[in-house]
C-alpha cells in the first residue's frame, strides 16, 4: 500500500471514529455514562468471575492503570461499580458491577441498539455483512500491529 493510500484510509477511519464516538455519546447521555464508561461496564458484565482487576481493565480499555483507576473511582462515586481487595493478594483491587450499574448498563445497551439501528438503516444486509467482515480484518491487522510494536 502506498503512503498516500494508507494516509487516506487512516483519515477515513478517523472520521468514522469521530462520528461514531459523537453519536455514541449522544445515545448514552440518557443513561448517564460516557462511551468509555459504557465499555468498562460491558467488560465487567461479560466477565465470567463477575469482577476484573484494575490492570485487566486498563488492558481492555487500552489505557494506563492510573487512567483506569480514575475511571473506576468516578464510577464508584456514581454507584455503578464497587471495589474490593482480592482475598489471595490484597494488593490487587477487584472491580464489580453494582445493581445500579447493571440497570444503567441495560439502559445504555438499549439506547445504543436503537441508535445503531437508526444509523445503519441506510445499509443493506449485504453491505452490513461485507462491512463487518472488512472491519474485522482491519481490527485484526491493527491488533497485530499493536502486539508487534508495543
N, C-alpha and C. Protein backbone atom coordinates (compact mmCIF):
# COMPACT_ATOMS: atom_id res chain seq x y z
N UNK A 1 0.86 -1.18 0.00
CA UNK A 1 0.00 0.00 0.00
C UNK A 1 0.90 1.24 0.00
N UNK A 2 0.63 2.17 -0.87
CA UNK A 2 1.42 3.39 -0.93
C UNK A 2 1.05 4.30 0.22
N UNK A 3 1.98 5.19 0.56
CA UNK A 3 1.80 6.05 1.73
C UNK A 3 0.53 6.91 1.63
N UNK A 4 0.23 7.44 0.45
CA UNK A 4 -0.96 8.29 0.32
C UNK A 4 -2.24 7.49 0.53
N UNK A 5 -2.25 6.22 0.10
CA UNK A 5 -3.42 5.37 0.31
C UNK A 5 -3.61 5.07 1.79
N UNK A 6 -2.52 4.78 2.49
CA UNK A 6 -2.64 4.48 3.92
C UNK A 6 -3.05 5.73 4.69
N UNK A 7 -2.58 6.89 4.26
CA UNK A 7 -2.99 8.14 4.92
C UNK A 7 -4.48 8.38 4.70
N UNK A 8 -4.95 8.20 3.47
CA UNK A 8 -6.36 8.41 3.16
C UNK A 8 -7.24 7.42 3.93
N UNK A 9 -6.79 6.17 4.04
CA UNK A 9 -7.54 5.17 4.80
C UNK A 9 -7.61 5.57 6.28
N UNK A 10 -6.48 5.99 6.82
CA UNK A 10 -6.45 6.42 8.22
C UNK A 10 -7.40 7.59 8.45
N UNK A 11 -7.36 8.56 7.55
CA UNK A 11 -8.24 9.73 7.69
C UNK A 11 -9.72 9.34 7.63
N UNK A 12 -10.06 8.40 6.76
CA UNK A 12 -11.45 7.95 6.66
C UNK A 12 -11.87 7.20 7.93
N UNK A 13 -11.00 6.32 8.42
CA UNK A 13 -11.31 5.59 9.65
C UNK A 13 -11.39 6.54 10.84
N UNK A 14 -10.53 7.55 10.87
CA UNK A 14 -10.58 8.55 11.94
C UNK A 14 -11.89 9.32 11.89
N UNK A 15 -12.33 9.67 10.70
CA UNK A 15 -13.61 10.37 10.53
C UNK A 15 -14.77 9.51 11.03
N UNK A 16 -14.74 8.23 10.68
CA UNK A 16 -15.78 7.30 11.15
C UNK A 16 -15.75 7.20 12.67
N UNK A 17 -14.55 7.09 13.24
CA UNK A 17 -14.42 7.02 14.70
C UNK A 17 -15.06 8.24 15.37
N UNK A 18 -14.75 9.43 14.86
CA UNK A 18 -15.29 10.66 15.46
C UNK A 18 -16.81 10.68 15.36
N UNK A 19 -17.34 10.30 14.21
CA UNK A 19 -18.80 10.28 14.03
C UNK A 19 -19.46 9.25 14.95
N UNK A 20 -18.87 8.06 15.05
CA UNK A 20 -19.42 7.04 15.94
C UNK A 20 -19.33 7.47 17.40
N UNK A 21 -18.19 8.03 17.78
CA UNK A 21 -17.99 8.44 19.17
C UNK A 21 -19.00 9.52 19.56
N UNK A 22 -19.19 10.50 18.68
CA UNK A 22 -20.14 11.55 18.99
C UNK A 22 -21.57 11.00 19.05
N UNK A 23 -21.90 10.13 18.11
CA UNK A 23 -23.23 9.51 18.13
C UNK A 23 -23.44 8.65 19.37
N UNK A 24 -22.40 7.90 19.76
CA UNK A 24 -22.48 7.09 20.98
C UNK A 24 -22.67 7.97 22.20
N UNK A 25 -21.91 9.05 22.26
CA UNK A 25 -22.01 9.98 23.39
C UNK A 25 -23.44 10.51 23.52
N UNK A 26 -24.02 10.88 22.38
CA UNK A 26 -25.40 11.39 22.38
C UNK A 26 -26.39 10.31 22.82
N UNK A 27 -26.21 9.09 22.29
CA UNK A 27 -27.12 8.00 22.63
C UNK A 27 -27.03 7.62 24.10
N UNK A 28 -25.82 7.69 24.66
CA UNK A 28 -25.60 7.26 26.05
C UNK A 28 -25.94 8.34 27.07
N UNK A 29 -26.17 9.55 26.61
CA UNK A 29 -26.45 10.66 27.52
C UNK A 29 -27.58 10.32 28.48
N UNK A 30 -28.64 9.71 27.98
CA UNK A 30 -29.79 9.37 28.82
C UNK A 30 -29.47 8.34 29.89
N UNK A 31 -28.46 7.51 29.65
CA UNK A 31 -28.04 6.52 30.64
C UNK A 31 -27.06 7.11 31.64
N UNK A 32 -26.57 8.32 31.35
CA UNK A 32 -25.65 8.99 32.25
C UNK A 32 -24.25 8.40 32.26
N UNK A 33 -23.84 7.80 31.14
CA UNK A 33 -22.48 7.25 31.05
C UNK A 33 -21.83 7.71 29.74
N UNK A 34 -20.51 7.78 29.76
CA UNK A 34 -19.75 8.10 28.56
C UNK A 34 -19.48 6.81 27.78
N UNK A 35 -19.03 6.92 26.53
CA UNK A 35 -18.69 5.71 25.78
C UNK A 35 -17.62 4.86 26.49
N UNK A 36 -16.62 5.49 27.08
CA UNK A 36 -15.59 4.74 27.79
C UNK A 36 -16.16 4.05 29.02
N UNK A 37 -17.00 4.75 29.77
CA UNK A 37 -17.63 4.14 30.94
C UNK A 37 -18.52 2.97 30.51
N UNK A 38 -19.24 3.15 29.43
CA UNK A 38 -20.08 2.07 28.91
C UNK A 38 -19.23 0.84 28.58
N UNK A 39 -18.11 1.06 27.91
CA UNK A 39 -17.23 -0.06 27.56
C UNK A 39 -16.73 -0.77 28.80
N UNK A 40 -16.35 -0.02 29.82
CA UNK A 40 -15.89 -0.62 31.08
C UNK A 40 -17.02 -1.45 31.70
N UNK A 41 -18.22 -0.90 31.77
CA UNK A 41 -19.35 -1.63 32.35
C UNK A 41 -19.64 -2.91 31.57
N UNK A 42 -19.55 -2.83 30.25
CA UNK A 42 -19.77 -4.01 29.40
C UNK A 42 -18.75 -5.11 29.69
N UNK A 43 -17.48 -4.73 29.85
CA UNK A 43 -16.45 -5.72 30.15
C UNK A 43 -16.69 -6.36 31.51
N UNK A 44 -17.10 -5.57 32.48
CA UNK A 44 -17.40 -6.14 33.80
C UNK A 44 -18.57 -7.12 33.71
N UNK A 45 -19.61 -6.76 32.98
CA UNK A 45 -20.79 -7.62 32.85
C UNK A 45 -20.44 -8.93 32.14
N UNK A 46 -19.48 -8.89 31.22
CA UNK A 46 -19.11 -10.08 30.46
C UNK A 46 -18.09 -10.96 31.17
N UNK A 47 -17.54 -10.48 32.27
CA UNK A 47 -16.50 -11.24 32.98
C UNK A 47 -17.09 -12.48 33.64
N UNK A 48 -16.51 -13.65 33.38
CA UNK A 48 -17.02 -14.88 33.99
C UNK A 48 -16.95 -14.87 35.52
N UNK A 49 -15.98 -14.15 36.05
CA UNK A 49 -15.82 -14.11 37.51
C UNK A 49 -16.62 -12.97 38.13
N UNK A 50 -17.33 -12.20 37.31
CA UNK A 50 -18.13 -11.06 37.77
C UNK A 50 -17.27 -9.92 38.32
N UNK A 51 -15.96 -9.99 38.11
CA UNK A 51 -15.06 -8.94 38.57
C UNK A 51 -13.81 -8.94 37.71
N UNK A 52 -13.22 -7.75 37.55
CA UNK A 52 -11.95 -7.62 36.84
C UNK A 52 -11.01 -6.76 37.67
N UNK A 53 -9.72 -6.98 37.50
CA UNK A 53 -8.74 -6.15 38.18
C UNK A 53 -8.58 -4.83 37.44
N UNK A 54 -8.04 -3.86 38.14
CA UNK A 54 -7.73 -2.57 37.51
C UNK A 54 -6.78 -2.79 36.34
N UNK A 55 -5.79 -3.66 36.52
CA UNK A 55 -4.82 -3.93 35.45
C UNK A 55 -5.50 -4.49 34.21
N UNK A 56 -6.43 -5.42 34.41
CA UNK A 56 -7.13 -6.01 33.27
C UNK A 56 -8.01 -4.97 32.57
N UNK A 57 -8.67 -4.12 33.37
CA UNK A 57 -9.48 -3.05 32.77
C UNK A 57 -8.61 -2.12 31.94
N UNK A 58 -7.42 -1.79 32.45
CA UNK A 58 -6.51 -0.94 31.70
C UNK A 58 -6.13 -1.59 30.37
N UNK A 59 -5.91 -2.91 30.39
CA UNK A 59 -5.57 -3.63 29.16
C UNK A 59 -6.70 -3.55 28.14
N UNK A 60 -7.92 -3.85 28.57
CA UNK A 60 -9.03 -3.89 27.60
C UNK A 60 -9.44 -2.50 27.13
N UNK A 61 -9.18 -1.48 27.95
CA UNK A 61 -9.51 -0.10 27.56
C UNK A 61 -8.35 0.60 26.85
N UNK A 62 -7.21 -0.10 26.75
CA UNK A 62 -6.00 0.46 26.13
C UNK A 62 -5.61 1.78 26.78
N UNK A 63 -5.52 1.76 28.11
CA UNK A 63 -5.11 2.96 28.84
C UNK A 63 -4.18 2.56 29.98
N UNK A 64 -3.66 3.53 30.69
CA UNK A 64 -2.78 3.25 31.82
C UNK A 64 -3.60 2.79 33.02
N UNK A 65 -2.93 2.15 33.98
CA UNK A 65 -3.62 1.77 35.22
C UNK A 65 -4.12 3.00 35.95
N UNK A 66 -3.37 4.10 35.87
CA UNK A 66 -3.80 5.34 36.51
C UNK A 66 -5.11 5.85 35.93
N UNK A 67 -5.22 5.82 34.61
CA UNK A 67 -6.47 6.25 33.97
C UNK A 67 -7.62 5.31 34.33
N UNK A 68 -7.34 4.01 34.34
CA UNK A 68 -8.39 3.04 34.71
C UNK A 68 -8.83 3.26 36.15
N UNK A 69 -7.88 3.56 37.03
CA UNK A 69 -8.20 3.82 38.44
C UNK A 69 -9.10 5.03 38.56
N UNK A 70 -8.78 6.10 37.85
CA UNK A 70 -9.61 7.32 37.89
C UNK A 70 -11.02 7.04 37.35
N UNK A 71 -11.09 6.29 36.28
CA UNK A 71 -12.38 5.94 35.70
C UNK A 71 -13.22 5.12 36.69
N UNK A 72 -12.59 4.14 37.32
CA UNK A 72 -13.29 3.31 38.31
C UNK A 72 -13.72 4.16 39.49
N UNK A 73 -12.84 5.03 39.96
CA UNK A 73 -13.18 5.89 41.10
C UNK A 73 -14.44 6.71 40.81
N UNK A 74 -14.52 7.23 39.60
CA UNK A 74 -15.70 8.03 39.23
C UNK A 74 -16.97 7.17 39.19
N UNK A 75 -16.83 5.95 38.68
CA UNK A 75 -17.99 5.05 38.64
C UNK A 75 -18.40 4.60 40.03
N UNK A 76 -17.44 4.46 40.94
CA UNK A 76 -17.76 4.16 42.35
C UNK A 76 -18.56 5.31 42.93
N UNK A 77 -18.11 6.55 42.67
CA UNK A 77 -18.81 7.74 43.19
C UNK A 77 -20.26 7.79 42.70
N UNK A 78 -20.50 7.29 41.50
CA UNK A 78 -21.86 7.29 40.94
C UNK A 78 -22.63 6.02 41.29
N UNK A 79 -22.02 5.13 42.05
CA UNK A 79 -22.70 3.92 42.50
C UNK A 79 -22.87 2.84 41.44
N UNK A 80 -22.07 2.90 40.37
CA UNK A 80 -22.21 1.93 39.29
C UNK A 80 -21.31 0.72 39.44
N UNK A 81 -20.20 0.88 40.15
CA UNK A 81 -19.29 -0.24 40.42
C UNK A 81 -18.87 -0.18 41.88
N UNK A 82 -18.34 -1.30 42.36
CA UNK A 82 -17.75 -1.33 43.70
C UNK A 82 -16.39 -2.01 43.59
N UNK A 83 -15.54 -1.77 44.56
CA UNK A 83 -14.20 -2.36 44.57
C UNK A 83 -14.01 -3.13 45.87
N UNK A 84 -13.11 -4.11 45.78
CA UNK A 84 -12.73 -4.88 46.97
C UNK A 84 -11.34 -5.46 46.73
N UNK A 85 -10.67 -5.81 47.81
CA UNK A 85 -9.37 -6.44 47.69
C UNK A 85 -9.52 -7.91 47.31
N UNK A 86 -8.54 -8.41 46.60
CA UNK A 86 -8.51 -9.84 46.26
C UNK A 86 -8.10 -10.61 47.51
N UNK A 87 -8.83 -11.66 47.85
CA UNK A 87 -8.54 -12.42 49.06
C UNK A 87 -7.16 -13.05 49.02
N UNK A 88 -6.69 -13.45 47.84
CA UNK A 88 -5.39 -14.11 47.74
C UNK A 88 -4.23 -13.12 47.61
N UNK A 89 -4.50 -11.89 47.22
CA UNK A 89 -3.45 -10.87 47.07
C UNK A 89 -4.08 -9.51 47.34
N UNK A 90 -3.90 -9.01 48.54
CA UNK A 90 -4.56 -7.77 48.95
C UNK A 90 -4.08 -6.54 48.18
N UNK A 91 -2.98 -6.67 47.42
CA UNK A 91 -2.52 -5.54 46.60
C UNK A 91 -3.40 -5.37 45.37
N UNK A 92 -4.12 -6.41 45.01
CA UNK A 92 -4.95 -6.40 43.81
C UNK A 92 -6.35 -5.88 44.16
N UNK A 93 -6.83 -4.95 43.34
CA UNK A 93 -8.17 -4.40 43.51
C UNK A 93 -9.08 -5.01 42.45
N UNK A 94 -10.19 -5.59 42.90
CA UNK A 94 -11.19 -6.16 42.00
C UNK A 94 -12.36 -5.19 41.86
N UNK A 95 -12.85 -5.05 40.66
CA UNK A 95 -13.95 -4.13 40.36
C UNK A 95 -15.15 -4.96 39.90
N UNK A 96 -16.32 -4.67 40.45
CA UNK A 96 -17.56 -5.38 40.10
C UNK A 96 -18.67 -4.38 39.84
N UNK A 97 -19.64 -4.81 39.06
CA UNK A 97 -20.85 -4.00 38.83
C UNK A 97 -21.74 -4.04 40.06
N UNK A 98 -22.38 -2.92 40.35
CA UNK A 98 -23.43 -2.89 41.36
C UNK A 98 -24.76 -3.15 40.65
N UNK A 99 -25.82 -3.31 41.40
CA UNK A 99 -27.15 -3.46 40.79
C UNK A 99 -27.49 -2.23 39.96
N UNK A 100 -27.15 -1.05 40.49
CA UNK A 100 -27.40 0.19 39.73
C UNK A 100 -26.57 0.20 38.45
N UNK A 101 -25.34 -0.31 38.52
CA UNK A 101 -24.50 -0.40 37.33
C UNK A 101 -25.11 -1.31 36.28
N UNK A 102 -25.67 -2.44 36.72
CA UNK A 102 -26.33 -3.35 35.78
C UNK A 102 -27.57 -2.69 35.16
N UNK A 103 -28.32 -1.98 35.98
CA UNK A 103 -29.52 -1.31 35.48
C UNK A 103 -29.15 -0.26 34.43
N UNK A 104 -28.15 0.56 34.74
CA UNK A 104 -27.74 1.62 33.81
C UNK A 104 -27.11 1.03 32.54
N UNK A 105 -26.40 -0.07 32.69
CA UNK A 105 -25.84 -0.74 31.52
C UNK A 105 -26.96 -1.19 30.60
N UNK A 106 -28.03 -1.72 31.16
CA UNK A 106 -29.19 -2.13 30.36
C UNK A 106 -29.79 -0.96 29.61
N UNK A 107 -29.93 0.17 30.29
CA UNK A 107 -30.46 1.39 29.65
C UNK A 107 -29.53 1.81 28.51
N UNK A 108 -28.23 1.78 28.77
CA UNK A 108 -27.24 2.18 27.77
C UNK A 108 -27.27 1.25 26.56
N UNK A 109 -27.36 -0.05 26.81
CA UNK A 109 -27.39 -1.02 25.71
C UNK A 109 -28.61 -0.81 24.82
N UNK A 110 -29.76 -0.59 25.44
CA UNK A 110 -30.97 -0.36 24.65
C UNK A 110 -30.86 0.94 23.84
N UNK A 111 -30.29 1.97 24.44
CA UNK A 111 -30.13 3.25 23.74
C UNK A 111 -29.18 3.10 22.55
N UNK A 112 -28.07 2.37 22.74
CA UNK A 112 -27.13 2.18 21.64
C UNK A 112 -27.72 1.29 20.56
N UNK A 113 -28.46 0.26 20.96
CA UNK A 113 -29.11 -0.60 19.96
C UNK A 113 -30.04 0.23 19.07
N UNK A 114 -30.81 1.09 19.70
CA UNK A 114 -31.74 1.95 18.95
C UNK A 114 -30.98 2.90 18.02
N UNK A 115 -29.92 3.52 18.55
CA UNK A 115 -29.12 4.45 17.74
C UNK A 115 -28.44 3.73 16.59
N UNK A 116 -27.89 2.54 16.85
CA UNK A 116 -27.22 1.79 15.79
C UNK A 116 -28.19 1.35 14.71
N UNK A 117 -29.38 0.95 15.11
CA UNK A 117 -30.39 0.57 14.11
C UNK A 117 -30.69 1.77 13.20
N UNK A 118 -30.86 2.93 13.82
CA UNK A 118 -31.14 4.15 13.05
C UNK A 118 -29.96 4.52 12.16
N UNK A 119 -28.74 4.51 12.74
CA UNK A 119 -27.56 4.95 11.99
C UNK A 119 -27.24 4.05 10.81
N UNK A 120 -27.46 2.76 10.96
CA UNK A 120 -27.05 1.82 9.91
C UNK A 120 -28.22 1.34 9.05
N UNK A 121 -29.39 1.94 9.24
CA UNK A 121 -30.57 1.50 8.48
C UNK A 121 -30.44 1.81 6.99
N UNK A 122 -29.54 2.69 6.62
CA UNK A 122 -29.32 3.01 5.21
C UNK A 122 -28.46 1.99 4.48
N UNK A 123 -27.95 1.00 5.21
CA UNK A 123 -27.13 -0.05 4.60
C UNK A 123 -27.96 -1.31 4.42
N UNK A 124 -27.73 -2.01 3.31
CA UNK A 124 -28.42 -3.29 3.10
C UNK A 124 -27.79 -4.36 3.99
N UNK A 125 -28.46 -5.51 4.08
CA UNK A 125 -27.90 -6.64 4.85
C UNK A 125 -26.55 -7.05 4.28
N UNK A 126 -26.45 -7.09 2.94
CA UNK A 126 -25.19 -7.48 2.30
C UNK A 126 -24.09 -6.46 2.61
N UNK A 127 -24.43 -5.18 2.57
CA UNK A 127 -23.44 -4.15 2.88
C UNK A 127 -23.00 -4.26 4.34
N UNK A 128 -23.95 -4.49 5.24
CA UNK A 128 -23.60 -4.64 6.66
C UNK A 128 -22.68 -5.83 6.86
N UNK A 129 -22.98 -6.94 6.21
CA UNK A 129 -22.17 -8.14 6.33
C UNK A 129 -20.76 -7.92 5.77
N UNK A 130 -20.69 -7.32 4.59
CA UNK A 130 -19.38 -7.05 3.98
C UNK A 130 -18.57 -6.07 4.83
N UNK A 131 -19.23 -5.04 5.33
CA UNK A 131 -18.55 -4.06 6.17
C UNK A 131 -18.07 -4.69 7.47
N UNK A 132 -18.89 -5.56 8.05
CA UNK A 132 -18.50 -6.27 9.27
C UNK A 132 -17.24 -7.10 9.02
N UNK A 133 -17.23 -7.87 7.94
CA UNK A 133 -16.07 -8.70 7.62
C UNK A 133 -14.83 -7.86 7.39
N UNK A 134 -14.97 -6.78 6.64
CA UNK A 134 -13.83 -5.92 6.34
C UNK A 134 -13.30 -5.23 7.59
N UNK A 135 -14.19 -4.73 8.43
CA UNK A 135 -13.73 -4.06 9.66
C UNK A 135 -13.12 -5.06 10.63
N UNK A 136 -13.57 -6.32 10.61
CA UNK A 136 -12.93 -7.35 11.44
C UNK A 136 -11.49 -7.56 10.99
N UNK A 137 -11.28 -7.59 9.68
CA UNK A 137 -9.93 -7.72 9.15
C UNK A 137 -9.07 -6.53 9.57
N UNK A 138 -9.61 -5.32 9.47
CA UNK A 138 -8.87 -4.12 9.89
C UNK A 138 -8.54 -4.20 11.38
N UNK A 139 -9.50 -4.61 12.21
CA UNK A 139 -9.27 -4.72 13.65
C UNK A 139 -8.18 -5.74 13.94
N UNK A 140 -8.19 -6.87 13.23
CA UNK A 140 -7.16 -7.89 13.43
C UNK A 140 -5.77 -7.36 13.05
N UNK A 141 -5.69 -6.66 11.92
CA UNK A 141 -4.41 -6.09 11.47
C UNK A 141 -3.90 -5.06 12.47
N UNK A 142 -4.78 -4.19 12.95
CA UNK A 142 -4.38 -3.17 13.92
C UNK A 142 -3.97 -3.81 15.25
N UNK A 143 -4.68 -4.84 15.67
CA UNK A 143 -4.33 -5.54 16.91
C UNK A 143 -2.95 -6.18 16.82
N UNK A 144 -2.67 -6.83 15.69
CA UNK A 144 -1.35 -7.44 15.49
C UNK A 144 -0.26 -6.38 15.48
N UNK A 145 -0.54 -5.24 14.87
CA UNK A 145 0.45 -4.17 14.84
C UNK A 145 0.77 -3.70 16.26
N UNK A 146 -0.25 -3.57 17.11
CA UNK A 146 0.00 -3.16 18.50
C UNK A 146 0.81 -4.20 19.24
N UNK A 147 0.53 -5.48 19.00
CA UNK A 147 1.30 -6.55 19.63
C UNK A 147 2.77 -6.51 19.19
N UNK A 148 2.99 -6.26 17.92
CA UNK A 148 4.35 -6.28 17.37
C UNK A 148 5.13 -4.99 17.61
N UNK A 149 4.43 -3.92 17.94
CA UNK A 149 5.08 -2.63 18.16
C UNK A 149 4.52 -1.98 19.43
N UNK A 150 4.87 -2.56 20.59
CA UNK A 150 4.30 -2.05 21.87
C UNK A 150 4.66 -0.63 22.21
